[in-house]
Amino acid sequence: YLVLAFFSASCVWVLLRAEFLAIT
């Protein structure tokens, strides 16, 4: 479930146009 939370947070970062943070 924590992996799913991290993946959802990375999707939010992508929507905020912070691609580097999402990939990291």
PDBML (XML) file of the C-alpha atoms, coordinates in Angstrom:
<?xml version="1.0" encoding="UTF-8" ?>
<PDBx:datablock datablockName="MODEL"
   xmlns:PDBx="http://pdbml.pdb.org/schema/pdbx-v50.xsd"
   xmlns:xsi="http://www.w3.org/2001/XMLSchema-instance"
   xsi:schemaLocation="http://pdbml.pdb.org/schema/pdbx-v50.xsd pdbx-v50.xsd">
   <PDBx:atom_siteCategory>
      <PDBx:atom_site id="1">
         <PDBx:B_iso_or_equiv>0.00</PDBx:B_iso_or_equiv>
         <PDBx:Cartn_x>0.000</PDBx:Cartn_x>
         <PDBx:Cartn_y>0.000</PDBx:Cartn_y>
         <PDBx:Cartn_z>0.000</PDBx:Cartn_z>
         <PDBx:auth_asym_id>A</PDBx:auth_asym_id>
         <PDBx:auth_atom_id>CA</PDBx:auth_atom_id>
         <PDBx:auth_comp_id>TYR</PDBx:auth_comp_id>
         <PDBx:auth_seq_id>1</PDBx:auth_seq_id>
         <PDBx:group_PDB>ATOM</PDBx:group_PDB>
         <PDBx:label_alt_id xsi:nil="true" />
         <PDBx:label_asym_id>A</PDBx:label_asym_id>
         <PDBx:label_atom_id>CA</PDBx:label_atom_id>
         <PDBx:label_comp_id>TYR</PDBx:label_comp_id>
         <PDBx:label_entity_id>1</PDBx:label_entity_id>
         <PDBx:label_seq_id>1</PDBx:label_seq_id>
         <PDBx:occupancy>1.00</PDBx:occupancy>
         <PDBx:pdbx_PDB_model_num>1</PDBx:pdbx_PDB_model_num>
         <PDBx:type_symbol>C</PDBx:type_symbol>
      </PDBx:atom_site>
      <PDBx:atom_site id="2">
         <PDBx:B_iso_or_equiv>0.00</PDBx:B_iso_or_equiv>
         <PDBx:Cartn_x>2.916</PDBx:Cartn_x>
         <PDBx:Cartn_y>2.347</PDBx:Cartn_y>
         <PDBx:Cartn_z>0.635</PDBx:Cartn_z>
         <PDBx:auth_asym_id>A</PDBx:auth_asym_id>
         <PDBx:auth_atom_id>CA</PDBx:auth_atom_id>
         <PDBx:auth_comp_id>LEU</PDBx:auth_comp_id>
         <PDBx:auth_seq_id>2</PDBx:auth_seq_id>
         <PDBx:group_PDB>ATOM</PDBx:group_PDB>
         <PDBx:label_alt_id xsi:nil="true" />
         <PDBx:label_asym_id>A</PDBx:label_asym_id>
         <PDBx:label_atom_id>CA</PDBx:label_atom_id>
         <PDBx:label_comp_id>LEU</PDBx:label_comp_id>
         <PDBx:label_entity_id>1</PDBx:label_entity_id>
         <PDBx:label_seq_id>2</PDBx:label_seq_id>
         <PDBx:occupancy>1.00</PDBx:occupancy>
         <PDBx:pdbx_PDB_model_num>1</PDBx:pdbx_PDB_model_num>
         <PDBx:type_symbol>C</PDBx:type_symbol>
      </PDBx:atom_site>
      <PDBx:atom_site id="3">
         <PDBx:B_iso_or_equiv>0.00</PDBx:B_iso_or_equiv>
         <PDBx:Cartn_x>4.183</PDBx:Cartn_x>
         <PDBx:Cartn_y>1.628</PDBx:Cartn_y>
         <PDBx:Cartn_z>-2.887</PDBx:Cartn_z>
         <PDBx:auth_asym_id>A</PDBx:auth_asym_id>
         <PDBx:auth_atom_id>CA</PDBx:auth_atom_id>
         <PDBx:auth_comp_id>VAL</PDBx:auth_comp_id>
         <PDBx:auth_seq_id>3</PDBx:auth_seq_id>
         <PDBx:group_PDB>ATOM</PDBx:group_PDB>
         <PDBx:label_alt_id xsi:nil="true" />
         <PDBx:label_asym_id>A</PDBx:label_asym_id>
         <PDBx:label_atom_id>CA</PDBx:label_atom_id>
         <PDBx:label_comp_id>VAL</PDBx:label_comp_id>
         <PDBx:label_entity_id>1</PDBx:label_entity_id>
         <PDBx:label_seq_id>3</PDBx:label_seq_id>
         <PDBx:occupancy>1.00</PDBx:occupancy>
         <PDBx:pdbx_PDB_model_num>1</PDBx:pdbx_PDB_model_num>
         <PDBx:type_symbol>C</PDBx:type_symbol>
      </PDBx:atom_site>
      <PDBx:atom_site id="4">
         <PDBx:B_iso_or_equiv>0.00</PDBx:B_iso_or_equiv>
         <PDBx:Cartn_x>0.748</PDBx:Cartn_x>
         <PDBx:Cartn_y>2.597</PDBx:Cartn_y>
         <PDBx:Cartn_z>-4.202</PDBx:Cartn_z>
         <PDBx:auth_asym_id>A</PDBx:auth_asym_id>
         <PDBx:auth_atom_id>CA</PDBx:auth_atom_id>
         <PDBx:auth_comp_id>LEU</PDBx:auth_comp_id>
         <PDBx:auth_seq_id>4</PDBx:auth_seq_id>
         <PDBx:group_PDB>ATOM</PDBx:group_PDB>
         <PDBx:label_alt_id xsi:nil="true" />
         <PDBx:label_asym_id>A</PDBx:label_asym_id>
         <PDBx:label_atom_id>CA</PDBx:label_atom_id>
         <PDBx:label_comp_id>LEU</PDBx:label_comp_id>
         <PDBx:label_entity_id>1</PDBx:label_entity_id>
         <PDBx:label_seq_id>4</PDBx:label_seq_id>
         <PDBx:occupancy>1.00</PDBx:occupancy>
         <PDBx:pdbx_PDB_model_num>1</PDBx:pdbx_PDB_model_num>
         <PDBx:type_symbol>C</PDBx:type_symbol>
      </PDBx:atom_site>
      <PDBx:atom_site id="5">
         <PDBx:B_iso_or_equiv>0.00</PDBx:B_iso_or_equiv>
         <PDBx:Cartn_x>0.881</PDBx:Cartn_x>
         <PDBx:Cartn_y>5.804</PDBx:Cartn_y>
         <PDBx:Cartn_z>-2.146</PDBx:Cartn_z>
         <PDBx:auth_asym_id>A</PDBx:auth_asym_id>
         <PDBx:auth_atom_id>CA</PDBx:auth_atom_id>
         <PDBx:auth_comp_id>ALA</PDBx:auth_comp_id>
         <PDBx:auth_seq_id>5</PDBx:auth_seq_id>
         <PDBx:group_PDB>ATOM</PDBx:group_PDB>
         <PDBx:label_alt_id xsi:nil="true" />
         <PDBx:label_asym_id>A</PDBx:label_asym_id>
         <PDBx:label_atom_id>CA</PDBx:label_atom_id>
         <PDBx:label_comp_id>ALA</PDBx:label_comp_id>
         <PDBx:label_entity_id>1</PDBx:label_entity_id>
         <PDBx:label_seq_id>5</PDBx:label_seq_id>
         <PDBx:occupancy>1.00</PDBx:occupancy>
         <PDBx:pdbx_PDB_model_num>1</PDBx:pdbx_PDB_model_num>
         <PDBx:type_symbol>C</PDBx:type_symbol>
      </PDBx:atom_site>
      <PDBx:atom_site id="6">
         <PDBx:B_iso_or_equiv>0.00</PDBx:B_iso_or_equiv>
         <PDBx:Cartn_x>4.281</PDBx:Cartn_x>
         <PDBx:Cartn_y>6.715</PDBx:Cartn_y>
         <PDBx:Cartn_z>-3.568</PDBx:Cartn_z>
         <PDBx:auth_asym_id>A</PDBx:auth_asym_id>
         <PDBx:auth_atom_id>CA</PDBx:auth_atom_id>
         <PDBx:auth_comp_id>PHE</PDBx:auth_comp_id>
         <PDBx:auth_seq_id>6</PDBx:auth_seq_id>
         <PDBx:group_PDB>ATOM</PDBx:group_PDB>
         <PDBx:label_alt_id xsi:nil="true" />
         <PDBx:label_asym_id>A</PDBx:label_asym_id>
         <PDBx:label_atom_id>CA</PDBx:label_atom_id>
         <PDBx:label_comp_id>PHE</PDBx:label_comp_id>
         <PDBx:label_entity_id>1</PDBx:label_entity_id>
         <PDBx:label_seq_id>6</PDBx:label_seq_id>
         <PDBx:occupancy>1.00</PDBx:occupancy>
         <PDBx:pdbx_PDB_model_num>1</PDBx:pdbx_PDB_model_num>
         <PDBx:type_symbol>C</PDBx:type_symbol>
      </PDBx:atom_site>
      <PDBx:atom_site id="7">
         <PDBx:B_iso_or_equiv>0.00</PDBx:B_iso_or_equiv>
         <PDBx:Cartn_x>3.083</PDBx:Cartn_x>
         <PDBx:Cartn_y>6.030</PDBx:Cartn_y>
         <PDBx:Cartn_z>-7.104</PDBx:Cartn_z>
         <PDBx:auth_asym_id>A</PDBx:auth_asym_id>
         <PDBx:auth_atom_id>CA</PDBx:auth_atom_id>
         <PDBx:auth_comp_id>PHE</PDBx:auth_comp_id>
         <PDBx:auth_seq_id>7</PDBx:auth_seq_id>
         <PDBx:group_PDB>ATOM</PDBx:group_PDB>
         <PDBx:label_alt_id xsi:nil="true" />
         <PDBx:label_asym_id>A</PDBx:label_asym_id>
         <PDBx:label_atom_id>CA</PDBx:label_atom_id>
         <PDBx:label_comp_id>PHE</PDBx:label_comp_id>
         <PDBx:label_entity_id>1</PDBx:label_entity_id>
         <PDBx:label_seq_id>7</PDBx:label_seq_id>
         <PDBx:occupancy>1.00</PDBx:occupancy>
         <PDBx:pdbx_PDB_model_num>1</PDBx:pdbx_PDB_model_num>
         <PDBx:type_symbol>C</PDBx:type_symbol>
      </PDBx:atom_site>
      <PDBx:atom_site id="8">
         <PDBx:B_iso_or_equiv>0.00</PDBx:B_iso_or_equiv>
         <PDBx:Cartn_x>0.015</PDBx:Cartn_x>
         <PDBx:Cartn_y>8.228</PDBx:Cartn_y>
         <PDBx:Cartn_z>-6.600</PDBx:Cartn_z>
         <PDBx:auth_asym_id>A</PDBx:auth_asym_id>
         <PDBx:auth_atom_id>CA</PDBx:auth_atom_id>
         <PDBx:auth_comp_id>SER</PDBx:auth_comp_id>
         <PDBx:auth_seq_id>8</PDBx:auth_seq_id>
         <PDBx:group_PDB>ATOM</PDBx:group_PDB>
         <PDBx:label_alt_id xsi:nil="true" />
         <PDBx:label_asym_id>A</PDBx:label_asym_id>
         <PDBx:label_atom_id>CA</PDBx:label_atom_id>
         <PDBx:label_comp_id>SER</PDBx:label_comp_id>
         <PDBx:label_entity_id>1</PDBx:label_entity_id>
         <PDBx:label_seq_id>8</PDBx:label_seq_id>
         <PDBx:occupancy>1.00</PDBx:occupancy>
         <PDBx:pdbx_PDB_model_num>1</PDBx:pdbx_PDB_model_num>
         <PDBx:type_symbol>C</PDBx:type_symbol>
      </PDBx:atom_site>
      <PDBx:atom_site id="9">
         <PDBx:B_iso_or_equiv>0.00</PDBx:B_iso_or_equiv>
         <PDBx:Cartn_x>2.207</PDBx:Cartn_x>
         <PDBx:Cartn_y>10.994</PDBx:Cartn_y>
         <PDBx:Cartn_z>-5.176</PDBx:Cartn_z>
         <PDBx:auth_asym_id>A</PDBx:auth_asym_id>
         <PDBx:auth_atom_id>CA</PDBx:auth_atom_id>
         <PDBx:auth_comp_id>ALA</PDBx:auth_comp_id>
         <PDBx:auth_seq_id>9</PDBx:auth_seq_id>
         <PDBx:group_PDB>ATOM</PDBx:group_PDB>
         <PDBx:label_alt_id xsi:nil="true" />
         <PDBx:label_asym_id>A</PDBx:label_asym_id>
         <PDBx:label_atom_id>CA</PDBx:label_atom_id>
         <PDBx:label_comp_id>ALA</PDBx:label_comp_id>
         <PDBx:label_entity_id>1</PDBx:label_entity_id>
         <PDBx:label_seq_id>9</PDBx:label_seq_id>
         <PDBx:occupancy>1.00</PDBx:occupancy>
         <PDBx:pdbx_PDB_model_num>1</PDBx:pdbx_PDB_model_num>
         <PDBx:type_symbol>C</PDBx:type_symbol>
      </PDBx:atom_site>
      <PDBx:atom_site id="10">
         <PDBx:B_iso_or_equiv>0.00</PDBx:B_iso_or_equiv>
         <PDBx:Cartn_x>4.479</PDBx:Cartn_x>
         <PDBx:Cartn_y>10.782</PDBx:Cartn_y>
         <PDBx:Cartn_z>-8.219</PDBx:Cartn_z>
         <PDBx:auth_asym_id>A</PDBx:auth_asym_id>
         <PDBx:auth_atom_id>CA</PDBx:auth_atom_id>
         <PDBx:auth_comp_id>SER</PDBx:auth_comp_id>
         <PDBx:auth_seq_id>10</PDBx:auth_seq_id>
         <PDBx:group_PDB>ATOM</PDBx:group_PDB>
         <PDBx:label_alt_id xsi:nil="true" />
         <PDBx:label_asym_id>A</PDBx:label_asym_id>
         <PDBx:label_atom_id>CA</PDBx:label_atom_id>
         <PDBx:label_comp_id>SER</PDBx:label_comp_id>
         <PDBx:label_entity_id>1</PDBx:label_entity_id>
         <PDBx:label_seq_id>10</PDBx:label_seq_id>
         <PDBx:occupancy>1.00</PDBx:occupancy>
         <PDBx:pdbx_PDB_model_num>1</PDBx:pdbx_PDB_model_num>
         <PDBx:type_symbol>C</PDBx:type_symbol>
      </PDBx:atom_site>
      <PDBx:atom_site id="11">
         <PDBx:B_iso_or_equiv>0.00</PDBx:B_iso_or_equiv>
         <PDBx:Cartn_x>1.433</PDBx:Cartn_x>
         <PDBx:Cartn_y>11.171</PDBx:Cartn_y>
         <PDBx:Cartn_z>-10.475</PDBx:Cartn_z>
         <PDBx:auth_asym_id>A</PDBx:auth_asym_id>
         <PDBx:auth_atom_id>CA</PDBx:auth_atom_id>
         <PDBx:auth_comp_id>CYS</PDBx:auth_comp_id>
         <PDBx:auth_seq_id>11</PDBx:auth_seq_id>
         <PDBx:group_PDB>ATOM</PDBx:group_PDB>
         <PDBx:label_alt_id xsi:nil="true" />
         <PDBx:label_asym_id>A</PDBx:label_asym_id>
         <PDBx:label_atom_id>CA</PDBx:label_atom_id>
         <PDBx:label_comp_id>CYS</PDBx:label_comp_id>
         <PDBx:label_entity_id>1</PDBx:label_entity_id>
         <PDBx:label_seq_id>11</PDBx:label_seq_id>
         <PDBx:occupancy>1.00</PDBx:occupancy>
         <PDBx:pdbx_PDB_model_num>1</PDBx:pdbx_PDB_model_num>
         <PDBx:type_symbol>C</PDBx:type_symbol>
      </PDBx:atom_site>
      <PDBx:atom_site id="12">
         <PDBx:B_iso_or_equiv>0.00</PDBx:B_iso_or_equiv>
         <PDBx:Cartn_x>0.499</PDBx:Cartn_x>
         <PDBx:Cartn_y>14.313</PDBx:Cartn_y>
         <PDBx:Cartn_z>-8.558</PDBx:Cartn_z>
         <PDBx:auth_asym_id>A</PDBx:auth_asym_id>
         <PDBx:auth_atom_id>CA</PDBx:auth_atom_id>
         <PDBx:auth_comp_id>VAL</PDBx:auth_comp_id>
         <PDBx:auth_seq_id>12</PDBx:auth_seq_id>
         <PDBx:group_PDB>ATOM</PDBx:group_PDB>
         <PDBx:label_alt_id xsi:nil="true" />
         <PDBx:label_asym_id>A</PDBx:label_asym_id>
         <PDBx:label_atom_id>CA</PDBx:label_atom_id>
         <PDBx:label_comp_id>VAL</PDBx:label_comp_id>
         <PDBx:label_entity_id>1</PDBx:label_entity_id>
         <PDBx:label_seq_id>12</PDBx:label_seq_id>
         <PDBx:occupancy>1.00</PDBx:occupancy>
         <PDBx:pdbx_PDB_model_num>1</PDBx:pdbx_PDB_model_num>
         <PDBx:type_symbol>C</PDBx:type_symbol>
      </PDBx:atom_site>
      <PDBx:atom_site id="13">
         <PDBx:B_iso_or_equiv>0.00</PDBx:B_iso_or_equiv>
         <PDBx:Cartn_x>4.042</PDBx:Cartn_x>
         <PDBx:Cartn_y>15.607</PDBx:Cartn_y>
         <PDBx:Cartn_z>-9.104</PDBx:Cartn_z>
         <PDBx:auth_asym_id>A</PDBx:auth_asym_id>
         <PDBx:auth_atom_id>CA</PDBx:auth_atom_id>
         <PDBx:auth_comp_id>TRP</PDBx:auth_comp_id>
         <PDBx:auth_seq_id>13</PDBx:auth_seq_id>
         <PDBx:group_PDB>ATOM</PDBx:group_PDB>
         <PDBx:label_alt_id xsi:nil="true" />
         <PDBx:label_asym_id>A</PDBx:label_asym_id>
         <PDBx:label_atom_id>CA</PDBx:label_atom_id>
         <PDBx:label_comp_id>TRP</PDBx:label_comp_id>
         <PDBx:label_entity_id>1</PDBx:label_entity_id>
         <PDBx:label_seq_id>13</PDBx:label_seq_id>
         <PDBx:occupancy>1.00</PDBx:occupancy>
         <PDBx:pdbx_PDB_model_num>1</PDBx:pdbx_PDB_model_num>
         <PDBx:type_symbol>C</PDBx:type_symbol>
      </PDBx:atom_site>
      <PDBx:atom_site id="14">
         <PDBx:B_iso_or_equiv>0.00</PDBx:B_iso_or_equiv>
         <PDBx:Cartn_x>3.670</PDBx:Cartn_x>
         <PDBx:Cartn_y>14.993</PDBx:Cartn_y>
         <PDBx:Cartn_z>-12.826</PDBx:Cartn_z>
         <PDBx:auth_asym_id>A</PDBx:auth_asym_id>
         <PDBx:auth_atom_id>CA</PDBx:auth_atom_id>
         <PDBx:auth_comp_id>VAL</PDBx:auth_comp_id>
         <PDBx:auth_seq_id>14</PDBx:auth_seq_id>
         <PDBx:group_PDB>ATOM</PDBx:group_PDB>
         <PDBx:label_alt_id xsi:nil="true" />
         <PDBx:label_asym_id>A</PDBx:label_asym_id>
         <PDBx:label_atom_id>CA</PDBx:label_atom_id>
         <PDBx:label_comp_id>VAL</PDBx:label_comp_id>
         <PDBx:label_entity_id>1</PDBx:label_entity_id>
         <PDBx:label_seq_id>14</PDBx:label_seq_id>
         <PDBx:occupancy>1.00</PDBx:occupancy>
         <PDBx:pdbx_PDB_model_num>1</PDBx:pdbx_PDB_model_num>
         <PDBx:type_symbol>C</PDBx:type_symbol>
      </PDBx:atom_site>
      <PDBx:atom_site id="15">
         <PDBx:B_iso_or_equiv>0.00</PDBx:B_iso_or_equiv>
         <PDBx:Cartn_x>0.458</PDBx:Cartn_x>
         <PDBx:Cartn_y>17.017</PDBx:Cartn_y>
         <PDBx:Cartn_z>-12.851</PDBx:Cartn_z>
         <PDBx:auth_asym_id>A</PDBx:auth_asym_id>
         <PDBx:auth_atom_id>CA</PDBx:auth_atom_id>
         <PDBx:auth_comp_id>LEU</PDBx:auth_comp_id>
         <PDBx:auth_seq_id>15</PDBx:auth_seq_id>
         <PDBx:group_PDB>ATOM</PDBx:group_PDB>
         <PDBx:label_alt_id xsi:nil="true" />
         <PDBx:label_asym_id>A</PDBx:label_asym_id>
         <PDBx:label_atom_id>CA</PDBx:label_atom_id>
         <PDBx:label_comp_id>LEU</PDBx:label_comp_id>
         <PDBx:label_entity_id>1</PDBx:label_entity_id>
         <PDBx:label_seq_id>15</PDBx:label_seq_id>
         <PDBx:occupancy>1.00</PDBx:occupancy>
         <PDBx:pdbx_PDB_model_num>1</PDBx:pdbx_PDB_model_num>
         <PDBx:type_symbol>C</PDBx:type_symbol>
      </PDBx:atom_site>
      <PDBx:atom_site id="16">
         <PDBx:B_iso_or_equiv>0.00</PDBx:B_iso_or_equiv>
         <PDBx:Cartn_x>2.357</PDBx:Cartn_x>
         <PDBx:Cartn_y>19.835</PDBx:Cartn_y>
         <PDBx:Cartn_z>-11.139</PDBx:Cartn_z>
         <PDBx:auth_asym_id>A</PDBx:auth_asym_id>
         <PDBx:auth_atom_id>CA</PDBx:auth_atom_id>
         <PDBx:auth_comp_id>LEU</PDBx:auth_comp_id>
         <PDBx:auth_seq_id>16</PDBx:auth_seq_id>
         <PDBx:group_PDB>ATOM</PDBx:group_PDB>
         <PDBx:label_alt_id xsi:nil="true" />
         <PDBx:label_asym_id>A</PDBx:label_asym_id>
         <PDBx:label_atom_id>CA</PDBx:label_atom_id>
         <PDBx:label_comp_id>LEU</PDBx:label_comp_id>
         <PDBx:label_entity_id>1</PDBx:label_entity_id>
         <PDBx:label_seq_id>16</PDBx:label_seq_id>
         <PDBx:occupancy>1.00</PDBx:occupancy>
         <PDBx:pdbx_PDB_model_num>1</PDBx:pdbx_PDB_model_num>
         <PDBx:type_symbol>C</PDBx:type_symbol>
      </PDBx:atom_site>
      <PDBx:atom_site id="17">
         <PDBx:B_iso_or_equiv>0.00</PDBx:B_iso_or_equiv>
         <PDBx:Cartn_x>4.981</PDBx:Cartn_x>
         <PDBx:Cartn_y>19.686</PDBx:Cartn_y>
         <PDBx:Cartn_z>-13.930</PDBx:Cartn_z>
         <PDBx:auth_asym_id>A</PDBx:auth_asym_id>
         <PDBx:auth_atom_id>CA</PDBx:auth_atom_id>
         <PDBx:auth_comp_id>ARG</PDBx:auth_comp_id>
         <PDBx:auth_seq_id>17</PDBx:auth_seq_id>
         <PDBx:group_PDB>ATOM</PDBx:group_PDB>
         <PDBx:label_alt_id xsi:nil="true" />
         <PDBx:label_asym_id>A</PDBx:label_asym_id>
         <PDBx:label_atom_id>CA</PDBx:label_atom_id>
         <PDBx:label_comp_id>ARG</PDBx:label_comp_id>
         <PDBx:label_entity_id>1</PDBx:label_entity_id>
         <PDBx:label_seq_id>17</PDBx:label_seq_id>
         <PDBx:occupancy>1.00</PDBx:occupancy>
         <PDBx:pdbx_PDB_model_num>1</PDBx:pdbx_PDB_model_num>
         <PDBx:type_symbol>C</PDBx:type_symbol>
      </PDBx:atom_site>
      <PDBx:atom_site id="18">
         <PDBx:B_iso_or_equiv>0.00</PDBx:B_iso_or_equiv>
         <PDBx:Cartn_x>7.730</PDBx:Cartn_x>
         <PDBx:Cartn_y>18.465</PDBx:Cartn_y>
         <PDBx:Cartn_z>-11.606</PDBx:Cartn_z>
         <PDBx:auth_asym_id>A</PDBx:auth_asym_id>
         <PDBx:auth_atom_id>CA</PDBx:auth_atom_id>
         <PDBx:auth_comp_id>ALA</PDBx:auth_comp_id>
         <PDBx:auth_seq_id>18</PDBx:auth_seq_id>
         <PDBx:group_PDB>ATOM</PDBx:group_PDB>
         <PDBx:label_alt_id xsi:nil="true" />
         <PDBx:label_asym_id>A</PDBx:label_asym_id>
         <PDBx:label_atom_id>CA</PDBx:label_atom_id>
         <PDBx:label_comp_id>ALA</PDBx:label_comp_id>
         <PDBx:label_entity_id>1</PDBx:label_entity_id>
         <PDBx:label_seq_id>18</PDBx:label_seq_id>
         <PDBx:occupancy>1.00</PDBx:occupancy>
         <PDBx:pdbx_PDB_model_num>1</PDBx:pdbx_PDB_model_num>
         <PDBx:type_symbol>C</PDBx:type_symbol>
      </PDBx:atom_site>
      <PDBx:atom_site id="19">
         <PDBx:B_iso_or_equiv>0.00</PDBx:B_iso_or_equiv>
         <PDBx:Cartn_x>8.869</PDBx:Cartn_x>
         <PDBx:Cartn_y>15.518</PDBx:Cartn_y>
         <PDBx:Cartn_z>-13.699</PDBx:Cartn_z>
         <PDBx:auth_asym_id>A</PDBx:auth_asym_id>
         <PDBx:auth_atom_id>CA</PDBx:auth_atom_id>
         <PDBx:auth_comp_id>GLU</PDBx:auth_comp_id>
         <PDBx:auth_seq_id>19</PDBx:auth_seq_id>
         <PDBx:group_PDB>ATOM</PDBx:group_PDB>
         <PDBx:label_alt_id xsi:nil="true" />
         <PDBx:label_asym_id>A</PDBx:label_asym_id>
         <PDBx:label_atom_id>CA</PDBx:label_atom_id>
         <PDBx:label_comp_id>GLU</PDBx:label_comp_id>
         <PDBx:label_entity_id>1</PDBx:label_entity_id>
         <PDBx:label_seq_id>19</PDBx:label_seq_id>
         <PDBx:occupancy>1.00</PDBx:occupancy>
         <PDBx:pdbx_PDB_model_num>1</PDBx:pdbx_PDB_model_num>
         <PDBx:type_symbol>C</PDBx:type_symbol>
      </PDBx:atom_site>
      <PDBx:atom_site id="20">
         <PDBx:B_iso_or_equiv>0.00</PDBx:B_iso_or_equiv>
         <PDBx:Cartn_x>12.241</PDBx:Cartn_x>
         <PDBx:Cartn_y>15.163</PDBx:Cartn_y>
         <PDBx:Cartn_z>-11.989</PDBx:Cartn_z>
         <PDBx:auth_asym_id>A</PDBx:auth_asym_id>
         <PDBx:auth_atom_id>CA</PDBx:auth_atom_id>
         <PDBx:auth_comp_id>PHE</PDBx:auth_comp_id>
         <PDBx:auth_seq_id>20</PDBx:auth_seq_id>
         <PDBx:group_PDB>ATOM</PDBx:group_PDB>
         <PDBx:label_alt_id xsi:nil="true" />
         <PDBx:label_asym_id>A</PDBx:label_asym_id>
         <PDBx:label_atom_id>CA</PDBx:label_atom_id>
         <PDBx:label_comp_id>PHE</PDBx:label_comp_id>
         <PDBx:label_entity_id>1</PDBx:label_entity_id>
         <PDBx:label_seq_id>20</PDBx:label_seq_id>
         <PDBx:occupancy>1.00</PDBx:occupancy>
         <PDBx:pdbx_PDB_model_num>1</PDBx:pdbx_PDB_model_num>
         <PDBx:type_symbol>C</PDBx:type_symbol>
      </PDBx:atom_site>
      <PDBx:atom_site id="21">
         <PDBx:B_iso_or_equiv>0.00</PDBx:B_iso_or_equiv>
         <PDBx:Cartn_x>10.677</PDBx:Cartn_x>
         <PDBx:Cartn_y>14.790</PDBx:Cartn_y>
         <PDBx:Cartn_z>-8.538</PDBx:Cartn_z>
         <PDBx:auth_asym_id>A</PDBx:auth_asym_id>
         <PDBx:auth_atom_id>CA</PDBx:auth_atom_id>
         <PDBx:auth_comp_id>LEU</PDBx:auth_comp_id>
         <PDBx:auth_seq_id>21</PDBx:auth_seq_id>
         <PDBx:group_PDB>ATOM</PDBx:group_PDB>
         <PDBx:label_alt_id xsi:nil="true" />
         <PDBx:label_asym_id>A</PDBx:label_asym_id>
         <PDBx:label_atom_id>CA</PDBx:label_atom_id>
         <PDBx:label_comp_id>LEU</PDBx:label_comp_id>
         <PDBx:label_entity_id>1</PDBx:label_entity_id>
         <PDBx:label_seq_id>21</PDBx:label_seq_id>
         <PDBx:occupancy>1.00</PDBx:occupancy>
         <PDBx:pdbx_PDB_model_num>1</PDBx:pdbx_PDB_model_num>
         <PDBx:type_symbol>C</PDBx:type_symbol>
      </PDBx:atom_site>
      <PDBx:atom_site id="22">
         <PDBx:B_iso_or_equiv>0.00</PDBx:B_iso_or_equiv>
         <PDBx:Cartn_x>8.148</PDBx:Cartn_x>
         <PDBx:Cartn_y>12.282</PDBx:Cartn_y>
         <PDBx:Cartn_z>-9.875</PDBx:Cartn_z>
         <PDBx:auth_asym_id>A</PDBx:auth_asym_id>
         <PDBx:auth_atom_id>CA</PDBx:auth_atom_id>
         <PDBx:auth_comp_id>ALA</PDBx:auth_comp_id>
         <PDBx:auth_seq_id>22</PDBx:auth_seq_id>
         <PDBx:group_PDB>ATOM</PDBx:group_PDB>
         <PDBx:label_alt_id xsi:nil="true" />
         <PDBx:label_asym_id>A</PDBx:label_asym_id>
         <PDBx:label_atom_id>CA</PDBx:label_atom_id>
         <PDBx:label_comp_id>ALA</PDBx:label_comp_id>
         <PDBx:label_entity_id>1</PDBx:label_entity_id>
         <PDBx:label_seq_id>22</PDBx:label_seq_id>
         <PDBx:occupancy>1.00</PDBx:occupancy>
         <PDBx:pdbx_PDB_model_num>1</PDBx:pdbx_PDB_model_num>
         <PDBx:type_symbol>C</PDBx:type_symbol>
      </PDBx:atom_site>
      <PDBx:atom_site id="23">
         <PDBx:B_iso_or_equiv>0.00</PDBx:B_iso_or_equiv>
         <PDBx:Cartn_x>10.814</PDBx:Cartn_x>
         <PDBx:Cartn_y>10.071</PDBx:Cartn_y>
         <PDBx:Cartn_z>-11.447</PDBx:Cartn_z>
         <PDBx:auth_asym_id>A</PDBx:auth_asym_id>
         <PDBx:auth_atom_id>CA</PDBx:auth_atom_id>
         <PDBx:auth_comp_id>ILE</PDBx:auth_comp_id>
         <PDBx:auth_seq_id>23</PDBx:auth_seq_id>
         <PDBx:group_PDB>ATOM</PDBx:group_PDB>
         <PDBx:label_alt_id xsi:nil="true" />
         <PDBx:label_asym_id>A</PDBx:label_asym_id>
         <PDBx:label_atom_id>CA</PDBx:label_atom_id>
         <PDBx:label_comp_id>ILE</PDBx:label_comp_id>
         <PDBx:label_entity_id>1</PDBx:label_entity_id>
         <PDBx:label_seq_id>23</PDBx:label_seq_id>
         <PDBx:occupancy>1.00</PDBx:occupancy>
         <PDBx:pdbx_PDB_model_num>1</PDBx:pdbx_PDB_model_num>
         <PDBx:type_symbol>C</PDBx:type_symbol>
      </PDBx:atom_site>
      <PDBx:atom_site id="24">
         <PDBx:B_iso_or_equiv>0.00</PDBx:B_iso_or_equiv>
         <PDBx:Cartn_x>13.015</PDBx:Cartn_x>
         <PDBx:Cartn_y>10.363</PDBx:Cartn_y>
         <PDBx:Cartn_z>-8.358</PDBx:Cartn_z>
         <PDBx:auth_asym_id>A</PDBx:auth_asym_id>
         <PDBx:auth_atom_id>CA</PDBx:auth_atom_id>
         <PDBx:auth_comp_id>THR</PDBx:auth_comp_id>
         <PDBx:auth_seq_id>24</PDBx:auth_seq_id>
         <PDBx:group_PDB>ATOM</PDBx:group_PDB>
         <PDBx:label_alt_id xsi:nil="true" />
         <PDBx:label_asym_id>A</PDBx:label_asym_id>
         <PDBx:label_atom_id>CA</PDBx:label_atom_id>
         <PDBx:label_comp_id>THR</PDBx:label_comp_id>
         <PDBx:label_entity_id>1</PDBx:label_entity_id>
         <PDBx:label_seq_id>24</PDBx:label_seq_id>
         <PDBx:occupancy>1.00</PDBx:occupancy>
         <PDBx:pdbx_PDB_model_num>1</PDBx:pdbx_PDB_model_num>
         <PDBx:type_symbol>C</PDBx:type_symbol>
      </PDBx:atom_site>
   </PDBx:atom_siteCategory>
</PDBx:datablock>
